[in-house]
Amino acid sequence: MMAASSPDAATPVSKDVPDFTQANILAMDAMHAPMARGIMADDPDVAFVRGMIPHHQGAIAMARVVQQHGVNGGAKSGHAAG
């Protein structure tokens, strides 16, 4: 069995990183606790869905960060080439 970290543990945000990094860290921290709580459901299907909802909400929050701070038109529109 894998050890789990605390779902309420937050990543310290340093003032030495760019604003977009701080915003991404805050978005990630906001989704981690709800994801961790969601996957604790007794039913595996329910656990998956309850974990994925905050995961995708976090992805939306992070997409807003790139729309605000990004310079690549493709990344900002969601059509970035890898």
N, C-alpha and C. Protein backbone atom coordinates (compact mmCIF):
# COMPACT_ATOMS: atom_id res chain seq x y z
N MET A 1 0.85 -1.18 0.00
CA MET A 1 0.00 0.00 0.00
C MET A 1 0.89 1.24 0.00
N MET A 2 0.51 2.22 -0.78
CA MET A 2 1.29 3.45 -0.87
C MET A 2 0.91 4.38 0.28
N ALA A 3 1.91 5.12 0.73
CA ALA A 3 1.64 6.13 1.75
C ALA A 3 0.97 7.32 1.08
N ALA A 4 0.02 7.91 1.78
CA ALA A 4 -0.68 9.07 1.24
C ALA A 4 -0.29 10.31 2.01
N SER A 5 -0.20 11.41 1.30
CA SER A 5 0.08 12.66 1.97
C SER A 5 -1.23 13.24 2.49
N SER A 6 -1.12 14.18 3.37
CA SER A 6 -2.31 14.82 3.92
C SER A 6 -3.04 15.57 2.82
N PRO A 7 -4.36 15.36 2.70
CA PRO A 7 -5.10 16.07 1.66
C PRO A 7 -5.21 17.56 1.93
N ASP A 8 -4.93 17.97 3.15
CA ASP A 8 -5.05 19.38 3.49
C ASP A 8 -3.70 20.10 3.47
N ALA A 9 -2.63 19.39 3.10
CA ALA A 9 -1.31 20.02 3.06
C ALA A 9 -1.23 20.97 1.88
N ALA A 10 -0.80 22.17 2.14
CA ALA A 10 -0.69 23.18 1.09
C ALA A 10 0.77 23.38 0.72
N THR A 11 1.01 23.66 -0.54
CA THR A 11 2.35 23.96 -1.02
C THR A 11 2.69 25.40 -0.63
N PRO A 12 3.81 25.61 0.05
CA PRO A 12 4.17 26.99 0.37
C PRO A 12 4.39 27.80 -0.90
N VAL A 13 3.84 29.00 -0.94
CA VAL A 13 4.00 29.86 -2.10
C VAL A 13 5.07 30.89 -1.78
N SER A 14 6.17 30.81 -2.51
CA SER A 14 7.27 31.73 -2.33
C SER A 14 7.02 33.00 -3.12
N LYS A 15 7.39 34.11 -2.56
CA LYS A 15 7.28 35.38 -3.27
C LYS A 15 8.40 35.51 -4.31
N ASP A 16 9.32 34.53 -4.36
CA ASP A 16 10.44 34.57 -5.30
C ASP A 16 10.10 33.94 -6.64
N VAL A 17 8.87 33.47 -6.81
CA VAL A 17 8.48 32.87 -8.09
C VAL A 17 7.54 33.82 -8.81
N PRO A 18 7.43 33.68 -10.13
CA PRO A 18 6.55 34.57 -10.89
C PRO A 18 5.08 34.45 -10.45
N ASP A 19 4.31 35.48 -10.76
CA ASP A 19 2.89 35.50 -10.41
C ASP A 19 2.15 34.30 -10.97
N PHE A 20 2.48 33.89 -12.21
CA PHE A 20 1.77 32.75 -12.80
C PHE A 20 2.07 31.46 -12.05
N THR A 21 3.28 31.32 -11.53
CA THR A 21 3.62 30.12 -10.75
C THR A 21 2.83 30.13 -9.44
N GLN A 22 2.77 31.28 -8.79
CA GLN A 22 1.99 31.39 -7.56
C GLN A 22 0.52 31.04 -7.83
N ALA A 23 -0.02 31.54 -8.94
CA ALA A 23 -1.42 31.28 -9.27
C ALA A 23 -1.64 29.79 -9.56
N ASN A 24 -0.71 29.15 -10.25
CA ASN A 24 -0.84 27.71 -10.51
C ASN A 24 -0.75 26.90 -9.22
N ILE A 25 0.15 27.27 -8.33
CA ILE A 25 0.27 26.56 -7.05
C ILE A 25 -1.03 26.70 -6.26
N LEU A 26 -1.59 27.89 -6.22
CA LEU A 26 -2.85 28.09 -5.50
C LEU A 26 -3.98 27.27 -6.13
N ALA A 27 -4.03 27.21 -7.46
CA ALA A 27 -5.06 26.42 -8.14
C ALA A 27 -4.89 24.93 -7.83
N MET A 28 -3.65 24.46 -7.85
CA MET A 28 -3.40 23.05 -7.54
C MET A 28 -3.75 22.73 -6.10
N ASP A 29 -3.34 23.60 -5.18
CA ASP A 29 -3.66 23.36 -3.77
C ASP A 29 -5.17 23.34 -3.53
N ALA A 30 -5.90 24.19 -4.25
CA ALA A 30 -7.35 24.24 -4.08
C ALA A 30 -8.03 22.95 -4.52
N MET A 31 -7.43 22.23 -5.47
CA MET A 31 -8.06 21.00 -5.95
C MET A 31 -7.62 19.76 -5.19
N HIS A 32 -6.46 19.79 -4.55
CA HIS A 32 -5.93 18.57 -3.95
C HIS A 32 -6.79 18.02 -2.81
N ALA A 33 -7.21 18.84 -1.88
CA ALA A 33 -8.01 18.34 -0.76
C ALA A 33 -9.35 17.77 -1.23
N PRO A 34 -10.10 18.48 -2.09
CA PRO A 34 -11.35 17.88 -2.58
C PRO A 34 -11.13 16.59 -3.36
N MET A 35 -10.04 16.51 -4.13
CA MET A 35 -9.75 15.27 -4.85
C MET A 35 -9.49 14.14 -3.87
N ALA A 36 -8.68 14.41 -2.86
CA ALA A 36 -8.33 13.38 -1.88
C ALA A 36 -9.57 12.92 -1.11
N ARG A 37 -10.43 13.85 -0.76
CA ARG A 37 -11.68 13.46 -0.07
C ARG A 37 -12.57 12.66 -1.01
N GLY A 38 -12.64 13.07 -2.26
CA GLY A 38 -13.50 12.39 -3.23
C GLY A 38 -13.13 10.94 -3.45
N ILE A 39 -11.85 10.65 -3.51
CA ILE A 39 -11.44 9.27 -3.80
C ILE A 39 -11.58 8.34 -2.60
N MET A 40 -12.02 8.88 -1.48
CA MET A 40 -12.22 8.05 -0.29
C MET A 40 -13.59 7.36 -0.27
N ALA A 41 -14.41 7.58 -1.28
CA ALA A 41 -15.72 6.93 -1.35
C ALA A 41 -15.55 5.42 -1.35
N ASP A 42 -16.51 4.71 -0.80
CA ASP A 42 -16.44 3.25 -0.73
C ASP A 42 -16.60 2.58 -2.09
N ASP A 43 -17.32 3.20 -2.99
CA ASP A 43 -17.56 2.65 -4.32
C ASP A 43 -16.50 3.18 -5.28
N PRO A 44 -15.80 2.31 -6.02
CA PRO A 44 -14.73 2.78 -6.90
C PRO A 44 -15.21 3.72 -8.01
N ASP A 45 -16.41 3.51 -8.50
CA ASP A 45 -16.93 4.39 -9.55
C ASP A 45 -17.22 5.77 -8.99
N VAL A 46 -17.83 5.81 -7.82
CA VAL A 46 -18.13 7.08 -7.17
C VAL A 46 -16.83 7.79 -6.79
N ALA A 47 -15.86 7.03 -6.29
CA ALA A 47 -14.57 7.62 -5.92
C ALA A 47 -13.91 8.26 -7.13
N PHE A 48 -13.96 7.60 -8.26
CA PHE A 48 -13.35 8.14 -9.48
C PHE A 48 -14.01 9.46 -9.86
N VAL A 49 -15.33 9.46 -9.93
CA VAL A 49 -16.05 10.67 -10.35
C VAL A 49 -15.82 11.80 -9.35
N ARG A 50 -15.89 11.48 -8.06
CA ARG A 50 -15.70 12.52 -7.05
C ARG A 50 -14.28 13.07 -7.06
N GLY A 51 -13.32 12.28 -7.48
CA GLY A 51 -11.95 12.77 -7.61
C GLY A 51 -11.74 13.57 -8.88
N MET A 52 -12.41 13.16 -9.96
CA MET A 52 -12.21 13.83 -11.25
C MET A 52 -12.87 15.19 -11.32
N ILE A 53 -13.97 15.39 -10.62
CA ILE A 53 -14.64 16.70 -10.68
C ILE A 53 -13.70 17.81 -10.20
N PRO A 54 -13.13 17.72 -8.99
CA PRO A 54 -12.21 18.79 -8.58
C PRO A 54 -10.93 18.83 -9.43
N HIS A 55 -10.51 17.68 -9.95
CA HIS A 55 -9.34 17.65 -10.82
C HIS A 55 -9.57 18.53 -12.05
N HIS A 56 -10.72 18.36 -12.67
CA HIS A 56 -11.02 19.15 -13.86
C HIS A 56 -11.34 20.60 -13.53
N GLN A 57 -11.91 20.85 -12.37
CA GLN A 57 -12.10 22.23 -11.94
C GLN A 57 -10.74 22.91 -11.77
N GLY A 58 -9.76 22.17 -11.25
CA GLY A 58 -8.40 22.69 -11.13
C GLY A 58 -7.78 22.96 -12.48
N ALA A 59 -8.05 22.09 -13.44
CA ALA A 59 -7.53 22.30 -14.79
C ALA A 59 -8.11 23.58 -15.40
N ILE A 60 -9.37 23.84 -15.13
CA ILE A 60 -9.98 25.07 -15.63
C ILE A 60 -9.32 26.28 -14.98
N ALA A 61 -9.09 26.21 -13.68
CA ALA A 61 -8.42 27.31 -12.98
C ALA A 61 -7.02 27.55 -13.54
N MET A 62 -6.30 26.47 -13.84
CA MET A 62 -4.95 26.61 -14.38
C MET A 62 -4.99 27.12 -15.82
N ALA A 63 -6.02 26.77 -16.58
CA ALA A 63 -6.17 27.30 -17.94
C ALA A 63 -6.41 28.81 -17.88
N ARG A 64 -7.13 29.24 -16.87
CA ARG A 64 -7.35 30.69 -16.72
C ARG A 64 -6.04 31.40 -16.41
N VAL A 65 -5.15 30.74 -15.68
CA VAL A 65 -3.84 31.33 -15.39
C VAL A 65 -3.07 31.55 -16.69
N VAL A 66 -3.06 30.55 -17.56
CA VAL A 66 -2.32 30.71 -18.81
C VAL A 66 -3.00 31.73 -19.72
N GLN A 67 -4.32 31.83 -19.66
CA GLN A 67 -5.00 32.86 -20.45
C GLN A 67 -4.61 34.26 -19.96
N GLN A 68 -4.44 34.40 -18.66
CA GLN A 68 -4.09 35.69 -18.10
C GLN A 68 -2.61 36.03 -18.28
N HIS A 69 -1.73 35.04 -18.09
CA HIS A 69 -0.29 35.31 -18.05
C HIS A 69 0.48 34.81 -19.26
N GLY A 70 -0.10 33.91 -20.03
CA GLY A 70 0.63 33.31 -21.14
C GLY A 70 0.85 34.25 -22.31
N VAL A 71 1.84 33.92 -23.12
CA VAL A 71 2.14 34.72 -24.30
C VAL A 71 1.96 33.92 -25.60
N ASN A 72 1.85 32.60 -25.50
CA ASN A 72 1.69 31.75 -26.66
C ASN A 72 0.20 31.68 -27.01
N GLY A 73 -0.15 32.19 -28.17
CA GLY A 73 -1.55 32.22 -28.58
C GLY A 73 -2.20 30.84 -28.59
N GLY A 74 -1.44 29.82 -29.01
CA GLY A 74 -1.98 28.46 -29.03
C GLY A 74 -2.27 27.94 -27.63
N ALA A 75 -1.35 28.20 -26.71
CA ALA A 75 -1.56 27.74 -25.33
C ALA A 75 -2.74 28.48 -24.70
N LYS A 76 -2.84 29.76 -24.98
CA LYS A 76 -3.91 30.57 -24.41
C LYS A 76 -5.28 30.15 -24.95
N SER A 77 -5.31 29.65 -26.18
CA SER A 77 -6.58 29.25 -26.77
C SER A 77 -6.88 27.77 -26.54
N GLY A 78 -5.92 27.04 -26.01
CA GLY A 78 -6.10 25.61 -25.80
C GLY A 78 -5.72 24.76 -27.00
N HIS A 79 -5.06 25.37 -27.98
CA HIS A 79 -4.67 24.66 -29.20
C HIS A 79 -3.15 24.65 -29.39
N ALA A 80 -2.43 24.48 -28.30
CA ALA A 80 -0.96 24.51 -28.37
C ALA A 80 -0.45 23.23 -29.01
N ALA A 81 0.56 23.37 -29.83
CA ALA A 81 1.22 22.21 -30.43
C ALA A 81 2.38 21.81 -29.53
N GLY A 82 2.53 20.51 -29.30
CA GLY A 82 3.56 20.02 -28.39
C GLY A 82 4.86 19.82 -28.98
